[in-house]
């Protein structure tokens, strides 16, 4: 049988699963029993499964998929020397860690060979995959492609045979892609409220009684080929205490299978339901105790997405809009989104802006906006479901994965494998165990604090730059305390403490913790969060008061750590993100998400988001007629009008100045169409036409005098004497006397007219002054009223501001109380589940005790009957004798 090889890309180490014997004669071993032995056992077992059940497994679990073409001592550089351009069917994809038990592996599959390589981090693996894909397809970004992905929660099963260990294998089109951890039926695998947040909380409707088994494991499979069938197979895990030949027949066949209809889980939304486990009956039959019951069910939450990715040039305008307008886009969309949409939008934006180089500016702007929005309510910073909160969550997961593993990875592994109890609640542990458990909790928390405050050199330099910018901006506003609160809330409340509480959600482990381990993680996260907030435990949690001394002791190291991570001139070595982000794929995800979010909105809301809907529709045009489009109003969606020149434009030349002048009408009075209507002007606009006339009339003084004189002459000759006697006409004066009299008359008339004009102007001026005084009085009265109104408004505004501040403070207090109540509710639910389990055990014990008592009563009755029979026999014997 041939085996695949496994190269470590990050160093000069190569592991081959074939048996290699050292000079001393002992086989080389690796952690957890040796990777080579693990692969050998899985390959041998899966080869038997393939021959019997027609399950074609892939990854490192299929021995017969490709021939053995390995050669020993191949250097690490062999990964780049692979000839990938010759075979167009080459597939390069990640390998899930459950296949080998090792993280960060990837696989190169072609028609002739199947190579597997292991890396030291997810970022390094992604970079290798991208480099090899570009080698196989140099023009990858300018080609249209389809990306398939599967997100799957394997939650819990019920009505399966007890007293055995089980696991599920995930097969796509008959090929193995991942497997769950092994869990034992009957072993306590209670869930908490934190598990419910991850998608595997309460069992929901349909969960009945019987043997239940909980996994709560999440699988995200990307870069998948076209898939038509998704199947989960249930297997019994091998018992290391039994001999190999006694369990081969049982292990080679699955107990049952669950088939997922691809059409039911397609789309962006998760679909959750109970699926029946179809029993598998191997040839030859098996015992009934090893078969699943007819009511066996598995609760699964899944979604399958196939996304069409266009060439990157199609997203150019969209990428420019996101880069320049991400702040306005977020502020416009945030009030319209629910929590799930905020989480998905923040994640998509972070990946796009990280690839463009704007992620740090994006988070700095969001953090500053969060401070301005909350004001003095610093207790609510990063505690609400906002885009800023979700974005910092996603960004820290992206750039801080190596730091998280270096800081907490070994601690989580040790805690999962340990058996020490840290239960310090007197109601849940005995008085004799309480001091020991308190010491264990102090040691555990001390180990975590030391790991965090020692600050490994893998701390992301990007986070240091973001934190230092936040602190500087807050110091500029005189809010230095809020700046440090931003750093503490983002790093501990949103990253480190959730990773301690739910390590499976942050990639630190795959399996969900057992009940005792979960309790230890909960108490540890609670202590670390109080330490980061510089607060002590109160009377609400009296059983934790003994940790206050521990908190006060470690306050200074915590302050020093927060100072170092937010110091822009820190001399500590830090690591930068070296992973790869597929920009065309992330732009396609963001485009699809925005289209799904905006389409159901009202038309007025969509119009207010322009030009974003129009830009999205331009991309949708290249996705085909079936693709969903956003309804856009004609005013925004219509193309811009283009200039259409007149037909006779060539007749006119800009060199002919005569063509550029309008014709002048020398006879405006001719024709009815040329008469202008009088223009009614506003009072504030002077009538320049009348003004010109006045100037013209004043320039011809003689004409005016002549006209007035003729009028006066006509007026004088029209008057007759009272007695109607016609006097004798006066003799005609001498010409020079006539001229002098005319001059005197004209002067007298001019003086009278001037006096009349002066009197008239004086009267008009008096009326104007009176009007001005009235207007001034009204203005003064209006100003007084306005001042009174402004003063009253300021008083009311001050009262409203005070009431608003009180309401905000009260809201902050209620939010903290609500958060504390939710946390306590989760703890109470855990305690209730544990009490229910103990109660069930006690009830079962009482039932068994009742049965024993009934049996004992029967035995006593039989003994009495025997004694009576013996007494009768003895009496008879005595009488006879």
Foldseek 3Di string as FASTA:
>chain_A
DAFAWEAELADFDTDGLDFDADPVRDTDADPPGRLSVVLVVLQVLQVLLCVFVVQQADDRRHDPPADHDDDPPDTSCVLVVDQQQVFLQWAKFAADCQNRVDPAKIWIDGPHDIHIYHYDDVQVSQVSSVVVVCSNPVQVLQAKDKKKKKKKWFWKKFQFFADFWKKKFKDFPSYTRHIFDIDHWPAFFADFPVLVVVPHHDPDPPDDDGTMDTWGFMDMGIRDDDTQWIKMFMFTDDDVVDDDVVCSVRGSDTQFMFIDGQVVAEDDAKDKDKTFTGGDAGPPGDDPSNHGDRSMITIMIMHMYMFIFHRPVLCVVVLVCCQVCVPVLQVLCFVQDDLVLLLLLLLLSLLQCVQVVCNLVVLLVVQVVQCVVLPPLLLCQLVDSTSSVSNLLNNCLQLVLVVLCQLCLVVLVCLQPDDQFLDQDCVVDPPVCNVVSVVVLLVSLVSNLCSQLVDDLAAAPSLLVSLLSLQVVCVVVVRNVSSLSNLLCSPQVSHNLVCLQAVCVSPSDGTGGGLRSNVSSLVSSVLVNCLSVVHADDPVCVSCNVCRVVSVVCNVSNVVSSCQSNDNPHPRRYDHRSGDRDNSVSSSSSLVSVLVSQQVDDQVSNAVSPPVLLSSQSSVVVVDPVDDHHDHDCVNNPDDDDDDDDPCPVVDDPVPVVVVDDDDDPCLPPDPVSDDDDDDDDPVDDDVVVVVVVVVVVVCPVVVLVVVVVVVVVVVVVDADPVNDDDDDDDDDDVVVVVVVSVVVSVVVVVVVVVVVVVVVVVVVVVVVVVVVVVVVVVVVVVVVVVVVVVVVVVVVVVVVVVVVVVSVVVSVVSVVVVVVSSVVSVVVSVVVVVVVVVVVVVVVVVVVVVVVVVVVVVVVVVVVVVVVVVVVVVVVVVVD
